[in-house]
Amino acid sequence: MKLIYVASPYAGDVKKNIEFAKKACSHVMDEGHAFFAPHLLYPQFLNDENPDERKAGLNTGLAMLTRCDELWCYGDRISPGMLLEIQEASRIGIPIRRVMEQENVFVIGRVKNSVQVEAPTLAMGIS
């Protein structure tokens, strides 16, 4: 069983994005893996609107990334927080997978080892 770091948008429509992240976490479990989703954990006690608390949450999540086997990026956009996670995973050599939702079914892309060559940010754009 792998430990998968789940990256998906949080800011913006927070309620919708939380529901999407929960669905992504369920997908990881359906695939037979455990997950870590910092954007579902840290906002429970840190205020994402407070820049210092947001930074603390992002940094703590990135510290946990080193313990994960892969980073899976969910959704059709890459947020600034996700970009940080992708860059750190690439820097420390953790495989990155792109997971897209097609007709209410998640489809896992191949492993991406380099942000410069194949990262979703280049194909998707950052929002």
Protein backbone atom coordinates (compact mmCIF):
# COMPACT_ATOMS: atom_id res chain seq x y z
CA MET A 1 0.00 0.00 0.00
CA LYS A 2 1.39 3.38 -1.02
CA LEU A 3 0.89 6.66 0.82
CA ILE A 4 -0.49 9.16 -1.69
CA TYR A 5 -0.27 12.93 -1.19
CA VAL A 6 -3.52 14.34 -2.56
CA ALA A 7 -3.26 17.77 -4.20
CA SER A 8 -6.38 19.58 -5.36
CA PRO A 9 -7.60 23.18 -5.28
CA TYR A 10 -8.83 24.55 -1.93
CA ALA A 11 -9.32 28.33 -2.22
CA GLY A 12 -12.14 29.91 -4.18
CA ASP A 13 -15.30 27.86 -3.83
CA VAL A 14 -14.07 26.21 -0.64
CA LYS A 15 -17.19 24.14 -0.01
CA LYS A 16 -17.16 22.69 -3.55
CA ASN A 17 -13.39 22.15 -3.41
CA ILE A 18 -13.61 20.32 -0.07
CA GLU A 19 -16.23 17.96 -1.48
CA PHE A 20 -14.02 17.36 -4.53
CA ALA A 21 -11.00 16.66 -2.28
CA LYS A 22 -13.03 14.15 -0.26
CA LYS A 23 -14.01 12.43 -3.51
CA ALA A 24 -10.33 12.38 -4.53
CA CYS A 25 -9.36 10.80 -1.19
CA SER A 26 -12.04 8.14 -1.64
CA HIS A 27 -10.60 7.45 -5.08
CA VAL A 28 -7.13 6.90 -3.60
CA MET A 29 -8.59 4.41 -1.12
CA ASP A 30 -10.54 2.69 -3.91
CA GLU A 31 -7.19 2.27 -5.69
CA GLY A 32 -5.88 0.43 -2.60
CA HIS A 33 -3.74 3.18 -1.11
CA ALA A 34 -3.67 5.42 1.94
CA PHE A 35 -3.84 9.19 1.51
CA PHE A 36 -2.63 12.41 3.05
CA ALA A 37 -4.65 15.53 2.17
CA PRO A 38 -3.27 18.55 4.04
CA HIS A 39 -5.93 20.89 2.67
CA LEU A 40 -8.60 18.80 4.42
CA LEU A 41 -6.65 18.63 7.67
CA TYR A 42 -4.96 21.93 8.43
CA PRO A 43 -7.86 24.33 7.67
CA GLN A 44 -9.68 22.60 10.54
CA PHE A 45 -7.58 24.67 12.95
CA LEU A 46 -5.63 27.12 10.78
CA ASN A 47 -7.24 30.12 9.07
CA ASP A 48 -6.45 29.95 5.34
CA GLU A 49 -7.33 33.66 5.10
CA ASN A 50 -4.46 34.54 7.48
CA PRO A 51 -1.21 34.60 5.43
CA ASP A 52 0.94 33.37 8.35
CA GLU A 53 -1.41 30.49 9.14
CA ARG A 54 -1.75 29.60 5.45
CA LYS A 55 2.05 29.52 5.14
CA ALA A 56 2.28 27.30 8.25
CA GLY A 57 -0.25 24.88 6.76
CA LEU A 58 1.55 24.77 3.41
CA ASN A 59 4.94 24.24 5.06
CA THR A 60 3.63 21.48 7.31
CA GLY A 61 2.03 19.76 4.33
CA LEU A 62 5.29 19.99 2.39
CA ALA A 63 7.15 18.45 5.34
CA MET A 64 4.80 15.47 5.15
CA LEU A 65 5.30 15.17 1.39
CA THR A 66 8.74 13.66 2.03
CA ARG A 67 7.01 10.70 3.71
CA CYS A 68 4.67 10.03 0.78
CA ASP A 69 5.28 7.65 -2.11
CA GLU A 70 3.56 9.71 -4.82
CA LEU A 71 1.76 13.00 -5.35
CA TRP A 72 -1.54 12.80 -7.22
CA CYS A 73 -2.86 16.08 -8.66
CA TYR A 74 -6.64 16.15 -8.99
CA GLY A 75 -8.80 18.54 -10.96
CA ASP A 76 -8.68 20.62 -14.09
CA ARG A 77 -6.57 23.45 -12.69
CA ILE A 78 -3.36 23.89 -10.73
CA SER A 79 -3.67 26.34 -7.83
CA PRO A 80 -0.67 28.25 -6.43
CA GLY A 81 -0.58 25.87 -3.43
CA MET A 82 -0.62 22.85 -5.73
CA LEU A 83 2.22 24.34 -7.75
CA LEU A 84 4.35 24.50 -4.59
CA GLU A 85 3.54 20.83 -3.90
CA ILE A 86 4.40 19.81 -7.47
CA GLN A 87 7.68 21.71 -7.40
CA GLU A 88 8.67 20.16 -4.05
CA ALA A 89 7.73 16.64 -5.18
CA SER A 90 9.82 17.14 -8.30
CA ARG A 91 12.74 18.52 -6.29
CA ILE A 92 12.83 15.53 -3.93
CA GLY A 93 12.10 12.96 -6.64
CA ILE A 94 8.59 11.87 -5.69
CA PRO A 95 6.56 10.66 -8.69
CA ILE A 96 3.69 12.92 -9.75
CA ARG A 97 0.50 11.64 -11.32
CA ARG A 98 -2.21 13.69 -12.97
CA VAL A 99 -5.73 12.51 -12.13
CA MET A 100 -8.56 13.91 -14.22
CA GLU A 101 -12.29 13.44 -13.80
CA GLN A 102 -14.03 12.29 -16.96
CA GLU A 103 -17.79 11.66 -16.83
CA ASN A 104 -17.70 11.34 -13.01
CA VAL A 105 -14.86 8.78 -13.16
CA PHE A 106 -11.27 9.53 -12.18
CA VAL A 107 -8.62 8.59 -14.73
CA ILE A 108 -5.03 8.31 -13.51
CA GLY A 109 -2.34 9.59 -15.84
CA ARG A 110 1.14 8.22 -16.08
CA VAL A 111 3.87 9.06 -13.63
CA LYS A 112 5.54 12.40 -14.22
CA ASN A 113 9.04 12.76 -12.84
CA SER A 114 9.91 16.29 -13.89
CA VAL A 115 7.95 19.51 -13.54
CA GLN A 116 10.02 21.08 -16.31
CA VAL A 117 9.20 18.36 -18.82
CA GLU A 118 5.73 17.06 -18.06
CA ALA A 119 4.12 18.85 -15.13
CA PRO A 120 0.41 19.60 -15.32
CA THR A 121 1.24 23.28 -14.81
CA LEU A 122 2.69 23.54 -18.29
CA ALA A 123 -0.28 21.89 -19.96
CA MET A 124 -3.02 23.31 -17.73
CA GLY A 125 -1.90 26.75 -16.69
CA ILE A 126 -2.01 28.07 -13.16
CA SER A 127 -5.10 29.68 -11.72
